Amino acid sequence: AIEPAATDADREKLQHASGYDDLLFVSPNAVRHAAGLLDPGDARVIAIGEATATLLEENGIKVAIVPQRSTSEALLGDGRLGPMAGRRVLIVRGDDGRELLAQSLRHTGAHVDYAGVYRRCMPPPPPPDLVQAWNARIDAMIVTSEQMLKNLIKLTDNHPSVLGTPLVVISERLQNAANALGFTHSLQADNPYPADLLRALCRVAGRKPGIAE
């Protein structure tokens, strides 16, 4: 579950975002909770993911860079970033996001600030009958963040049927996390886009008897 979380300091950064060289949005949620507060001015806008870029454009904010894969690693390897030394960067994200982007950009000489505009919360538990009939009702799952994996385990009390359900994830990092948490059948999609997720689900269906593509 997602809740707004921007502090007065975060709102001030967004209202004066035109003073930054680069505005970096990590997710659609970052856009949803920041767009109404934002004055981008002439700052270069970077979106991690096509969905994030689309939502920015829908809010009248032109996007300059979208990496081919929706990951921090893909953005850091994108040659379009150019030299970052001395550039002022505002990363718009949730209040507990990864540190990789900021650390890597600072290492290149960029000055990086955060605006944490939303937080992830534990959603309500699923109906008990869903967990009890899990194998009969659930053939596969799509999970797009490590927090979702951890919440899923807590909400279903580490149920063996859940851990044994084929799982589609969107990155190698998330696949490694799933394996470490005890999920036994994880498959990495090429990207977190609908077509890529559908292809991954079809691969899951092809290797699990009883599921039609």
N, C-alpha and C. Protein backbone atom coordinates (compact mmCIF):
# COMPACT_ATOMS: atom_id res chain seq x y z
N ALA A 1 0.86 -1.18 0.00
CA ALA A 1 0.00 0.00 0.00
C ALA A 1 0.90 1.23 0.00
N ILE A 2 0.44 2.30 -0.66
CA ILE A 2 1.24 3.52 -0.81
C ILE A 2 0.54 4.68 -0.13
N GLU A 3 1.30 5.44 0.67
CA GLU A 3 0.78 6.63 1.34
C GLU A 3 1.68 7.83 1.04
N PRO A 4 1.12 9.05 0.96
CA PRO A 4 1.96 10.23 0.79
C PRO A 4 2.85 10.44 2.01
N ALA A 5 4.05 10.96 1.79
CA ALA A 5 5.00 11.08 2.90
C ALA A 5 5.87 12.33 2.81
N ALA A 6 5.58 13.25 1.90
CA ALA A 6 6.45 14.41 1.71
C ALA A 6 6.43 15.31 2.96
N THR A 7 7.60 15.67 3.43
CA THR A 7 7.74 16.61 4.53
C THR A 7 7.76 18.04 3.97
N ASP A 8 7.74 19.01 4.86
CA ASP A 8 7.84 20.41 4.41
C ASP A 8 9.14 20.63 3.64
N ALA A 9 10.22 20.01 4.11
CA ALA A 9 11.51 20.15 3.42
C ALA A 9 11.45 19.54 2.02
N ASP A 10 10.78 18.39 1.88
CA ASP A 10 10.63 17.76 0.56
C ASP A 10 9.82 18.66 -0.38
N ARG A 11 8.73 19.21 0.14
CA ARG A 11 7.89 20.10 -0.68
C ARG A 11 8.67 21.32 -1.15
N GLU A 12 9.50 21.84 -0.28
CA GLU A 12 10.30 23.02 -0.65
C GLU A 12 11.29 22.67 -1.77
N LYS A 13 11.90 21.49 -1.69
CA LYS A 13 12.81 21.07 -2.76
C LYS A 13 12.07 20.97 -4.09
N LEU A 14 10.87 20.41 -4.07
CA LEU A 14 10.09 20.26 -5.30
C LEU A 14 9.66 21.62 -5.85
N GLN A 15 9.26 22.52 -4.98
CA GLN A 15 8.82 23.83 -5.42
C GLN A 15 9.97 24.64 -6.01
N HIS A 16 11.19 24.31 -5.61
CA HIS A 16 12.37 24.99 -6.15
C HIS A 16 13.21 24.04 -7.00
N ALA A 17 12.53 23.07 -7.62
CA ALA A 17 13.25 22.07 -8.41
C ALA A 17 13.96 22.67 -9.62
N SER A 18 13.53 23.84 -10.05
CA SER A 18 14.19 24.49 -11.20
C SER A 18 15.63 24.86 -10.88
N GLY A 19 16.00 24.83 -9.60
CA GLY A 19 17.38 25.13 -9.23
C GLY A 19 18.32 23.95 -9.38
N TYR A 20 17.76 22.78 -9.73
CA TYR A 20 18.58 21.59 -9.96
C TYR A 20 18.87 21.43 -11.46
N ASP A 21 19.95 20.72 -11.76
CA ASP A 21 20.27 20.41 -13.15
C ASP A 21 19.50 19.20 -13.65
N ASP A 22 19.28 18.22 -12.75
CA ASP A 22 18.61 16.98 -13.12
C ASP A 22 17.56 16.63 -12.07
N LEU A 23 16.38 16.24 -12.55
CA LEU A 23 15.32 15.70 -11.70
C LEU A 23 15.12 14.25 -12.09
N LEU A 24 15.29 13.35 -11.14
CA LEU A 24 15.28 11.92 -11.43
C LEU A 24 14.12 11.27 -10.69
N PHE A 25 13.16 10.74 -11.44
CA PHE A 25 11.98 10.10 -10.86
C PHE A 25 12.15 8.58 -10.95
N VAL A 26 12.00 7.90 -9.81
CA VAL A 26 12.31 6.48 -9.78
C VAL A 26 11.10 5.59 -10.06
N SER A 27 9.88 6.13 -10.02
CA SER A 27 8.70 5.28 -10.18
C SER A 27 7.48 6.14 -10.48
N PRO A 28 6.40 5.51 -10.99
CA PRO A 28 5.13 6.26 -11.17
C PRO A 28 4.62 6.86 -9.87
N ASN A 29 4.80 6.15 -8.75
CA ASN A 29 4.36 6.71 -7.47
C ASN A 29 5.08 8.01 -7.13
N ALA A 30 6.35 8.09 -7.50
CA ALA A 30 7.10 9.32 -7.27
C ALA A 30 6.47 10.48 -8.04
N VAL A 31 6.02 10.20 -9.26
CA VAL A 31 5.38 11.23 -10.07
C VAL A 31 4.03 11.61 -9.46
N ARG A 32 3.22 10.61 -9.10
CA ARG A 32 1.87 10.88 -8.58
C ARG A 32 1.91 11.78 -7.36
N HIS A 33 2.90 11.59 -6.51
CA HIS A 33 2.94 12.33 -5.25
C HIS A 33 3.81 13.58 -5.31
N ALA A 34 4.38 13.86 -6.48
CA ALA A 34 5.24 15.04 -6.60
C ALA A 34 4.77 16.03 -7.66
N ALA A 35 4.05 15.55 -8.67
CA ALA A 35 3.76 16.40 -9.84
C ALA A 35 3.04 17.69 -9.47
N GLY A 36 2.10 17.61 -8.54
CA GLY A 36 1.35 18.81 -8.17
C GLY A 36 2.15 19.82 -7.39
N LEU A 37 3.31 19.43 -6.88
CA LEU A 37 4.16 20.33 -6.10
C LEU A 37 5.35 20.84 -6.89
N LEU A 38 5.48 20.39 -8.13
CA LEU A 38 6.75 20.50 -8.86
C LEU A 38 6.79 21.67 -9.82
N ASP A 39 7.93 22.38 -9.79
CA ASP A 39 8.24 23.37 -10.81
C ASP A 39 9.59 22.97 -11.42
N PRO A 40 9.57 22.21 -12.56
CA PRO A 40 10.85 21.69 -13.09
C PRO A 40 11.72 22.74 -13.77
N GLY A 41 11.14 23.84 -14.20
CA GLY A 41 11.93 24.84 -14.91
C GLY A 41 12.65 24.24 -16.09
N ASP A 42 13.94 24.51 -16.21
CA ASP A 42 14.74 23.97 -17.32
C ASP A 42 15.55 22.74 -16.92
N ALA A 43 15.25 22.17 -15.78
CA ALA A 43 16.01 20.98 -15.33
C ALA A 43 15.79 19.82 -16.29
N ARG A 44 16.82 19.01 -16.49
CA ARG A 44 16.71 17.79 -17.29
C ARG A 44 15.95 16.75 -16.45
N VAL A 45 14.92 16.18 -17.05
CA VAL A 45 14.08 15.22 -16.32
C VAL A 45 14.42 13.81 -16.79
N ILE A 46 14.66 12.92 -15.83
CA ILE A 46 15.04 11.53 -16.10
C ILE A 46 14.01 10.63 -15.43
N ALA A 47 13.53 9.63 -16.17
CA ALA A 47 12.53 8.70 -15.65
C ALA A 47 13.07 7.28 -15.71
N ILE A 48 12.99 6.56 -14.61
CA ILE A 48 13.37 5.15 -14.62
C ILE A 48 12.11 4.35 -14.95
N GLY A 49 11.96 4.00 -16.23
CA GLY A 49 10.81 3.22 -16.65
C GLY A 49 9.85 3.98 -17.55
N GLU A 50 9.28 3.26 -18.51
CA GLU A 50 8.36 3.87 -19.46
C GLU A 50 7.10 4.37 -18.78
N ALA A 51 6.59 3.63 -17.78
CA ALA A 51 5.37 4.06 -17.09
C ALA A 51 5.61 5.37 -16.35
N THR A 52 6.78 5.51 -15.75
CA THR A 52 7.14 6.75 -15.07
C THR A 52 7.22 7.90 -16.08
N ALA A 53 7.85 7.64 -17.22
CA ALA A 53 7.97 8.67 -18.25
C ALA A 53 6.61 9.08 -18.79
N THR A 54 5.73 8.11 -19.03
CA THR A 54 4.40 8.40 -19.55
C THR A 54 3.63 9.29 -18.59
N LEU A 55 3.69 8.98 -17.31
CA LEU A 55 2.96 9.76 -16.32
C LEU A 55 3.51 11.18 -16.21
N LEU A 56 4.82 11.33 -16.32
CA LEU A 56 5.41 12.67 -16.33
C LEU A 56 4.91 13.47 -17.53
N GLU A 57 4.93 12.86 -18.71
CA GLU A 57 4.46 13.55 -19.91
C GLU A 57 2.98 13.93 -19.78
N GLU A 58 2.18 13.04 -19.17
CA GLU A 58 0.76 13.35 -18.97
C GLU A 58 0.56 14.54 -18.03
N ASN A 59 1.54 14.79 -17.19
CA ASN A 59 1.49 15.94 -16.29
C ASN A 59 2.20 17.16 -16.88
N GLY A 60 2.50 17.09 -18.18
CA GLY A 60 3.10 18.23 -18.86
C GLY A 60 4.58 18.41 -18.61
N ILE A 61 5.27 17.37 -18.17
CA ILE A 61 6.69 17.45 -17.87
C ILE A 61 7.46 16.65 -18.91
N LYS A 62 8.27 17.29 -19.70
CA LYS A 62 9.01 16.63 -20.76
C LYS A 62 10.16 15.81 -20.20
N VAL A 63 10.28 14.57 -20.67
CA VAL A 63 11.31 13.65 -20.19
C VAL A 63 12.46 13.59 -21.19
N ALA A 64 13.68 13.71 -20.69
CA ALA A 64 14.85 13.70 -21.56
C ALA A 64 15.48 12.32 -21.70
N ILE A 65 15.47 11.52 -20.63
CA ILE A 65 16.15 10.23 -20.64
C ILE A 65 15.27 9.17 -19.98
N VAL A 66 15.12 8.03 -20.67
CA VAL A 66 14.51 6.83 -20.09
C VAL A 66 15.44 5.67 -20.42
N PRO A 67 16.05 5.02 -19.42
CA PRO A 67 16.96 3.91 -19.74
C PRO A 67 16.21 2.74 -20.35
N GLN A 68 16.92 1.88 -21.06
CA GLN A 68 16.30 0.75 -21.74
C GLN A 68 15.68 -0.22 -20.76
N ARG A 69 16.31 -0.42 -19.62
CA ARG A 69 15.73 -1.25 -18.56
C ARG A 69 15.36 -0.36 -17.38
N SER A 70 14.32 -0.77 -16.67
CA SER A 70 13.82 0.05 -15.57
C SER A 70 14.57 -0.24 -14.28
N THR A 71 15.88 0.01 -14.30
CA THR A 71 16.69 -0.22 -13.11
C THR A 71 17.67 0.93 -12.93
N SER A 72 18.11 1.10 -11.69
CA SER A 72 19.13 2.10 -11.41
C SER A 72 20.42 1.78 -12.15
N GLU A 73 20.75 0.49 -12.20
CA GLU A 73 21.98 0.08 -12.88
C GLU A 73 21.96 0.46 -14.35
N ALA A 74 20.79 0.28 -15.00
CA ALA A 74 20.69 0.63 -16.42
C ALA A 74 20.87 2.12 -16.64
N LEU A 75 20.31 2.93 -15.76
CA LEU A 75 20.47 4.37 -15.90
C LEU A 75 21.93 4.77 -15.72
N LEU A 76 22.59 4.20 -14.72
CA LEU A 76 23.98 4.57 -14.46
C LEU A 76 24.89 4.19 -15.63
N GLY A 77 24.50 3.18 -16.41
CA GLY A 77 25.28 2.79 -17.58
C GLY A 77 24.84 3.46 -18.86
N ASP A 78 23.88 4.37 -18.80
CA ASP A 78 23.36 5.04 -19.99
C ASP A 78 24.27 6.21 -20.38
N GLY A 79 24.84 6.13 -21.56
CA GLY A 79 25.78 7.16 -22.01
C GLY A 79 25.17 8.53 -22.15
N ARG A 80 23.84 8.62 -22.24
CA ARG A 80 23.19 9.92 -22.40
C ARG A 80 23.27 10.79 -21.14
N LEU A 81 23.61 10.17 -20.02
CA LEU A 81 23.77 10.97 -18.81
C LEU A 81 24.86 12.01 -18.98
N GLY A 82 25.94 11.61 -19.64
CA GLY A 82 27.06 12.53 -19.83
C GLY A 82 27.82 12.78 -18.54
N PRO A 83 28.78 13.70 -18.56
CA PRO A 83 29.55 14.01 -17.35
C PRO A 83 28.63 14.56 -16.25
N MET A 84 28.75 14.02 -15.04
CA MET A 84 27.87 14.44 -13.95
C MET A 84 28.58 15.28 -12.90
N ALA A 85 29.88 15.44 -13.03
CA ALA A 85 30.62 16.21 -12.03
C ALA A 85 30.06 17.62 -11.92
N GLY A 86 29.76 18.02 -10.69
CA GLY A 86 29.26 19.36 -10.43
C GLY A 86 27.77 19.56 -10.66
N ARG A 87 27.09 18.58 -11.24
CA ARG A 87 25.65 18.73 -11.50
C ARG A 87 24.86 18.53 -10.21
N ARG A 88 23.79 19.30 -10.09
CA ARG A 88 22.90 19.21 -8.93
C ARG A 88 21.72 18.31 -9.31
N VAL A 89 21.54 17.25 -8.54
CA VAL A 89 20.54 16.23 -8.87
C VAL A 89 19.55 16.08 -7.72
N LEU A 90 18.26 16.06 -8.06
CA LEU A 90 17.22 15.77 -7.08
C LEU A 90 16.58 14.44 -7.45
N ILE A 91 16.68 13.46 -6.57
CA ILE A 91 16.05 12.16 -6.78
C ILE A 91 14.71 12.15 -6.06
N VAL A 92 13.63 11.95 -6.82
CA VAL A 92 12.28 11.91 -6.26
C VAL A 92 11.89 10.45 -6.12
N ARG A 93 11.58 10.02 -4.90
CA ARG A 93 11.44 8.59 -4.62
C ARG A 93 10.54 8.37 -3.41
N GLY A 94 10.44 7.10 -2.96
CA GLY A 94 9.82 6.79 -1.68
C GLY A 94 10.77 7.11 -0.55
N ASP A 95 10.29 7.02 0.67
CA ASP A 95 11.12 7.45 1.81
C ASP A 95 12.14 6.41 2.24
N ASP A 96 12.18 5.24 1.57
CA ASP A 96 13.15 4.22 1.96
C ASP A 96 13.74 3.52 0.73
N GLY A 97 14.01 4.27 -0.30
CA GLY A 97 14.52 3.69 -1.54
C GLY A 97 15.97 3.26 -1.43
N ARG A 98 16.45 2.64 -2.51
CA ARG A 98 17.84 2.19 -2.58
C ARG A 98 18.79 3.39 -2.60
N GLU A 99 20.01 3.16 -2.14
CA GLU A 99 21.02 4.22 -2.09
C GLU A 99 21.97 4.18 -3.29
N LEU A 100 21.83 3.17 -4.15
CA LEU A 100 22.79 2.98 -5.24
C LEU A 100 22.92 4.21 -6.12
N LEU A 101 21.80 4.78 -6.56
CA LEU A 101 21.86 5.92 -7.47
C LEU A 101 22.62 7.08 -6.85
N ALA A 102 22.22 7.46 -5.65
CA ALA A 102 22.86 8.61 -5.02
C ALA A 102 24.34 8.37 -4.79
N GLN A 103 24.68 7.20 -4.28
CA GLN A 103 26.09 6.89 -4.02
C GLN A 103 26.91 6.92 -5.30
N SER A 104 26.37 6.34 -6.37
CA SER A 104 27.12 6.28 -7.63
C SER A 104 27.26 7.67 -8.25
N LEU A 105 26.20 8.46 -8.20
CA LEU A 105 26.27 9.80 -8.78
C LEU A 105 27.22 10.69 -7.98
N ARG A 106 27.17 10.57 -6.67
CA ARG A 106 28.10 11.35 -5.85
C ARG A 106 29.54 10.97 -6.14
N HIS A 107 29.76 9.68 -6.43
CA HIS A 107 31.11 9.22 -6.74
C HIS A 107 31.63 9.88 -8.02
N THR A 108 30.73 10.24 -8.93
CA THR A 108 31.15 10.92 -10.16
C THR A 108 31.32 12.42 -9.97
N GLY A 109 30.99 12.93 -8.78
CA GLY A 109 31.14 14.36 -8.50
C GLY A 109 29.85 15.14 -8.51
N ALA A 110 28.70 14.46 -8.65
CA ALA A 110 27.41 15.15 -8.62
C ALA A 110 27.00 15.47 -7.18
N HIS A 111 26.18 16.50 -7.03
CA HIS A 111 25.61 16.86 -5.73
C HIS A 111 24.16 16.36 -5.72
N VAL A 112 23.85 15.44 -4.82
CA VAL A 112 22.57 14.74 -4.86
C VAL A 112 21.73 15.03 -3.62
N ASP A 113 20.47 15.37 -3.84
CA ASP A 113 19.48 15.51 -2.77
C ASP A 113 18.34 14.53 -3.02
N TYR A 114 17.57 14.24 -1.96
CA TYR A 114 16.39 13.39 -2.07
C TYR A 114 15.14 14.22 -1.79
N ALA A 115 14.04 13.83 -2.44
CA ALA A 115 12.70 14.24 -2.03
C ALA A 115 11.90 12.96 -1.87
N GLY A 116 11.66 12.56 -0.62
CA GLY A 116 10.87 11.36 -0.36
C GLY A 116 9.40 11.72 -0.28
N VAL A 117 8.64 11.32 -1.28
CA VAL A 117 7.26 11.82 -1.38
C VAL A 117 6.20 10.77 -1.07
N TYR A 118 6.60 9.50 -0.90
CA TYR A 118 5.63 8.48 -0.53
C TYR A 118 6.32 7.41 0.31
N ARG A 119 5.49 6.62 0.99
CA ARG A 119 6.02 5.49 1.76
C ARG A 119 5.22 4.23 1.44
N ARG A 120 5.89 3.09 1.54
CA ARG A 120 5.24 1.80 1.34
C ARG A 120 4.78 1.27 2.69
N CYS A 121 3.55 0.80 2.76
CA CYS A 121 2.98 0.30 4.01
C CYS A 121 2.45 -1.11 3.81
N MET A 122 2.32 -1.83 4.91
CA MET A 122 1.75 -3.16 4.86
C MET A 122 0.26 -3.07 4.51
N PRO A 123 -0.17 -3.75 3.43
CA PRO A 123 -1.60 -3.74 3.09
C PRO A 123 -2.38 -4.67 4.01
N PRO A 124 -3.72 -4.65 3.94
CA PRO A 124 -4.50 -5.57 4.76
C PRO A 124 -4.22 -7.02 4.36
N PRO A 125 -4.40 -7.96 5.29
CA PRO A 125 -4.15 -9.38 4.97
C PRO A 125 -5.18 -9.90 3.98
N PRO A 126 -4.82 -10.94 3.21
CA PRO A 126 -5.78 -11.54 2.27
C PRO A 126 -6.83 -12.32 3.04
N PRO A 127 -7.98 -12.61 2.42
CA PRO A 127 -9.00 -13.43 3.07
C PRO A 127 -8.41 -14.80 3.44
N PRO A 128 -8.75 -15.33 4.60
CA PRO A 128 -8.20 -16.64 5.01
C PRO A 128 -8.47 -17.74 4.00
N ASP A 129 -9.64 -17.69 3.33
CA ASP A 129 -9.95 -18.76 2.39
C ASP A 129 -9.03 -18.75 1.18
N LEU A 130 -8.44 -17.58 0.86
CA LEU A 130 -7.50 -17.52 -0.26
C LEU A 130 -6.25 -18.31 0.06
N VAL A 131 -5.72 -18.13 1.25
CA VAL A 131 -4.50 -18.85 1.64
C VAL A 131 -4.79 -20.35 1.76
N GLN A 132 -5.93 -20.69 2.32
CA GLN A 132 -6.28 -22.10 2.50
C GLN A 132 -6.42 -22.83 1.17
N ALA A 133 -6.92 -22.12 0.14
CA ALA A 133 -7.13 -22.74 -1.17
C ALA A 133 -6.11 -22.24 -2.19
N TRP A 134 -4.94 -21.85 -1.70
CA TRP A 134 -3.94 -21.18 -2.55
C TRP A 134 -3.59 -22.01 -3.79
N ASN A 135 -3.25 -23.26 -3.61
CA ASN A 135 -2.82 -24.09 -4.74
C ASN A 135 -3.91 -24.24 -5.80
N ALA A 136 -5.16 -24.24 -5.38
CA ALA A 136 -6.26 -24.41 -6.32
C ALA A 136 -6.59 -23.11 -7.05
N ARG A 137 -6.23 -21.98 -6.45
CA ARG A 137 -6.66 -20.69 -7.00
C ARG A 137 -5.53 -19.87 -7.63
N ILE A 138 -4.29 -20.12 -7.22
CA ILE A 138 -3.17 -19.28 -7.66
C ILE A 138 -2.17 -20.13 -8.43
N ASP A 139 -1.97 -19.83 -9.70
CA ASP A 139 -1.00 -20.55 -10.53
C ASP A 139 0.35 -19.85 -10.62
N ALA A 140 0.36 -18.52 -10.48
CA ALA A 140 1.61 -17.77 -10.60
C ALA A 140 1.43 -16.40 -9.96
N MET A 141 2.55 -15.76 -9.65
CA MET A 141 2.52 -14.43 -9.05
C MET A 141 3.51 -13.53 -9.78
N ILE A 142 3.19 -12.23 -9.81
CA ILE A 142 4.13 -11.21 -10.28
C ILE A 142 4.44 -10.31 -9.10
N VAL A 143 5.72 -10.13 -8.80
CA VAL A 143 6.14 -9.27 -7.69
C VAL A 143 7.20 -8.31 -8.22
N THR A 144 7.05 -7.02 -7.91
CA THR A 144 7.92 -6.01 -8.51
C THR A 144 8.81 -5.28 -7.51
N SER A 145 8.81 -5.70 -6.23
CA SER A 145 9.73 -5.07 -5.28
C SER A 145 10.04 -6.04 -4.15
N GLU A 146 11.17 -5.84 -3.50
CA GLU A 146 11.56 -6.69 -2.38
C GLU A 146 10.61 -6.51 -1.21
N GLN A 147 10.11 -5.29 -1.01
CA GLN A 147 9.16 -5.07 0.08
C GLN A 147 7.89 -5.87 -0.13
N MET A 148 7.46 -6.00 -1.40
CA MET A 148 6.29 -6.84 -1.68
C MET A 148 6.54 -8.29 -1.28
N LEU A 149 7.73 -8.79 -1.59
CA LEU A 149 8.07 -10.16 -1.22
C LEU A 149 7.98 -10.35 0.29
N LYS A 150 8.57 -9.43 1.04
CA LYS A 150 8.57 -9.53 2.49
C LYS A 150 7.16 -9.42 3.06
N ASN A 151 6.37 -8.49 2.50
CA ASN A 151 4.99 -8.36 2.96
C ASN A 151 4.19 -9.62 2.66
N LEU A 152 4.42 -10.20 1.48
CA LEU A 152 3.70 -11.42 1.09
C LEU A 152 3.96 -12.54 2.08
N ILE A 153 5.21 -12.70 2.49
CA ILE A 153 5.56 -13.73 3.45
C ILE A 153 4.86 -13.48 4.79
N LYS A 154 4.88 -12.22 5.25
CA LYS A 154 4.24 -11.90 6.53
C LYS A 154 2.72 -12.10 6.46
N LEU A 155 2.12 -11.65 5.36
CA LEU A 155 0.66 -11.70 5.24
C LEU A 155 0.13 -13.12 5.09
N THR A 156 0.97 -14.02 4.60
CA THR A 156 0.53 -15.41 4.42
C THR A 156 1.23 -16.35 5.40
N ASP A 157 1.92 -15.78 6.39
CA ASP A 157 2.55 -16.55 7.47
C ASP A 157 3.51 -17.60 6.93
N ASN A 158 4.30 -17.20 5.93
CA ASN A 158 5.35 -18.09 5.39
C ASN A 158 4.78 -19.42 4.88
N HIS A 159 3.60 -19.37 4.29
CA HIS A 159 2.89 -20.59 3.91
C HIS A 159 3.66 -21.34 2.81
N PRO A 160 3.87 -22.65 2.96
CA PRO A 160 4.62 -23.40 1.95
C PRO A 160 4.02 -23.31 0.55
N SER A 161 2.71 -23.25 0.44
CA SER A 161 2.08 -23.15 -0.89
C SER A 161 2.46 -21.86 -1.58
N VAL A 162 2.57 -20.77 -0.80
CA VAL A 162 2.95 -19.47 -1.37
C VAL A 162 4.40 -19.52 -1.82
N LEU A 163 5.28 -20.05 -0.98
CA LEU A 163 6.70 -20.11 -1.31
C LEU A 163 6.96 -21.01 -2.52
N GLY A 164 6.08 -21.98 -2.77
CA GLY A 164 6.26 -22.89 -3.89
C GLY A 164 5.57 -22.47 -5.16
N THR A 165 4.86 -21.35 -5.15
CA THR A 165 4.15 -20.87 -6.34
C THR A 165 5.14 -20.19 -7.29
N PRO A 166 5.10 -20.51 -8.59
CA PRO A 166 5.97 -19.82 -9.56
C PRO A 166 5.84 -18.31 -9.46
N LEU A 167 6.99 -17.66 -9.44
CA LEU A 167 7.06 -16.23 -9.17
C LEU A 167 7.79 -15.52 -10.31
N VAL A 168 7.18 -14.51 -10.89
CA VAL A 168 7.81 -13.68 -11.91
C VAL A 168 8.31 -12.40 -11.25
N VAL A 169 9.60 -12.10 -11.42
CA VAL A 169 10.20 -10.89 -10.85
C VAL A 169 10.81 -10.06 -11.99
N ILE A 170 11.24 -8.84 -11.65
CA ILE A 170 11.63 -7.90 -12.71
C ILE A 170 13.12 -7.58 -12.75
N SER A 171 13.92 -8.23 -11.88
CA SER A 171 15.35 -7.94 -11.90
C SER A 171 16.11 -9.10 -11.27
N GLU A 172 17.39 -9.17 -11.57
CA GLU A 172 18.24 -10.19 -10.96
C GLU A 172 18.32 -9.99 -9.46
N ARG A 173 18.39 -8.73 -9.04
CA ARG A 173 18.44 -8.42 -7.60
C ARG A 173 17.21 -8.97 -6.88
N LEU A 174 16.05 -8.79 -7.50
CA LEU A 174 14.81 -9.27 -6.89
C LEU A 174 14.73 -10.79 -6.91
N GLN A 175 15.26 -11.40 -7.97
CA GLN A 175 15.29 -12.86 -8.03
C GLN A 175 16.17 -13.42 -6.93
N ASN A 176 17.31 -12.80 -6.70
CA ASN A 176 18.20 -13.24 -5.62
C ASN A 176 17.51 -13.08 -4.26
N ALA A 177 16.77 -11.99 -4.09
CA ALA A 177 16.05 -11.77 -2.83
C ALA A 177 14.98 -12.83 -2.63
N ALA A 178 14.26 -13.18 -3.72
CA ALA A 178 13.23 -14.21 -3.64
C ALA A 178 13.83 -15.54 -3.23
N ASN A 179 14.96 -15.90 -3.83
CA ASN A 179 15.62 -17.16 -3.48
C ASN A 179 16.05 -17.17 -2.01
N ALA A 180 16.58 -16.03 -1.56
CA ALA A 180 17.04 -15.94 -0.17
C ALA A 180 15.88 -16.04 0.82
N LEU A 181 14.70 -15.58 0.41
CA LEU A 181 13.53 -15.60 1.29
C LEU A 181 12.81 -16.95 1.28
N GLY A 182 13.23 -17.86 0.39
CA GLY A 182 12.67 -19.19 0.40
C GLY A 182 11.72 -19.53 -0.72
N PHE A 183 11.52 -18.60 -1.67
CA PHE A 183 10.70 -18.92 -2.84
C PHE A 183 11.48 -19.90 -3.73
N THR A 184 10.81 -20.93 -4.21
CA THR A 184 11.52 -22.03 -4.86
C THR A 184 11.47 -22.00 -6.38
N HIS A 185 10.59 -21.18 -6.99
CA HIS A 185 10.46 -21.15 -8.45
C HIS A 185 10.31 -19.70 -8.90
N SER A 186 11.43 -19.01 -9.13
CA SER A 186 11.37 -17.62 -9.57
C SER A 186 11.92 -17.49 -10.98
N LEU A 187 11.32 -16.59 -11.75
CA LEU A 187 11.71 -16.36 -13.13
C LEU A 187 11.81 -14.86 -13.37
N GLN A 188 12.91 -14.43 -13.97
CA GLN A 188 13.11 -13.00 -14.20
C GLN A 188 12.57 -12.60 -15.56
N ALA A 189 11.67 -11.61 -15.58
CA ALA A 189 11.19 -11.04 -16.83
C ALA A 189 12.27 -10.12 -17.40
N ASP A 190 12.23 -9.90 -18.71
CA ASP A 190 13.23 -9.06 -19.35
C ASP A 190 13.11 -7.60 -18.93
N ASN A 191 11.87 -7.15 -18.66
CA ASN A 191 11.59 -5.78 -18.23
C ASN A 191 10.29 -5.79 -17.44
N PRO A 192 9.99 -4.72 -16.70
CA PRO A 192 8.75 -4.71 -15.92
C PRO A 192 7.56 -4.20 -16.72
N TYR A 193 7.61 -4.31 -18.06
CA TYR A 193 6.53 -3.81 -18.90
C TYR A 193 5.53 -4.94 -19.14
N PRO A 194 4.26 -4.62 -19.41
CA PRO A 194 3.23 -5.65 -19.56
C PRO A 194 3.59 -6.75 -20.54
N ALA A 195 4.13 -6.40 -21.70
CA ALA A 195 4.45 -7.43 -22.70
C ALA A 195 5.52 -8.39 -22.18
N ASP A 196 6.52 -7.85 -21.47
CA ASP A 196 7.59 -8.69 -20.93
C ASP A 196 7.07 -9.57 -19.81
N LEU A 197 6.20 -9.03 -18.97
CA LEU A 197 5.62 -9.82 -17.89
C LEU A 197 4.73 -10.93 -18.46
N LEU A 198 4.00 -10.62 -19.53
CA LEU A 198 3.16 -11.64 -20.15
C LEU A 198 4.01 -12.76 -20.74
N ARG A 199 5.12 -12.40 -21.39
CA ARG A 199 6.00 -13.43 -21.94
C ARG A 199 6.56 -14.31 -20.83
N ALA A 200 6.92 -13.70 -19.70
CA ALA A 200 7.44 -14.48 -18.58
C ALA A 200 6.36 -15.41 -18.03
N LEU A 201 5.13 -14.92 -17.94
CA LEU A 201 4.04 -15.77 -17.46
C LEU A 201 3.80 -16.94 -18.41
N CYS A 202 3.93 -16.68 -19.71
CA CYS A 202 3.78 -17.77 -20.68
C CYS A 202 4.87 -18.82 -20.51
N ARG A 203 6.08 -18.38 -20.18
CA ARG A 203 7.16 -19.35 -19.93
C ARG A 203 6.84 -20.16 -18.68
N VAL A 204 6.31 -19.49 -17.66
CA VAL A 204 5.90 -20.21 -16.45
C VAL A 204 4.82 -21.22 -16.79
N ALA A 205 3.83 -20.82 -17.58
CA ALA A 205 2.73 -21.70 -17.93
C ALA A 205 3.24 -22.91 -18.73
N GLY A 206 4.24 -22.68 -19.58
CA GLY A 206 4.76 -23.76 -20.39
C GLY A 206 5.48 -24.82 -19.60
N ARG A 207 5.98 -24.45 -18.41
CA ARG A 207 6.74 -25.44 -17.65
C ARG A 207 5.98 -25.96 -16.45
N LYS A 208 4.75 -25.48 -16.22
CA LYS A 208 3.95 -26.00 -15.12
C LYS A 208 2.70 -26.66 -15.67
N PRO A 209 2.55 -27.95 -15.58
CA PRO A 209 1.37 -28.64 -16.12
C PRO A 209 0.09 -28.11 -15.53
N GLY A 210 -0.93 -28.02 -16.39
CA GLY A 210 -2.24 -27.63 -15.91
C GLY A 210 -2.57 -26.17 -16.09
N ILE A 211 -1.59 -25.35 -16.50
CA ILE A 211 -1.86 -23.94 -16.73
C ILE A 211 -1.90 -23.69 -18.23
N ALA A 212 -2.99 -23.13 -18.72
CA ALA A 212 -3.09 -22.82 -20.15
C ALA A 212 -2.44 -21.48 -20.41
N GLU A 213 -1.77 -21.33 -21.55
CA GLU A 213 -1.14 -20.06 -21.89
C GLU A 213 -2.20 -19.02 -22.25
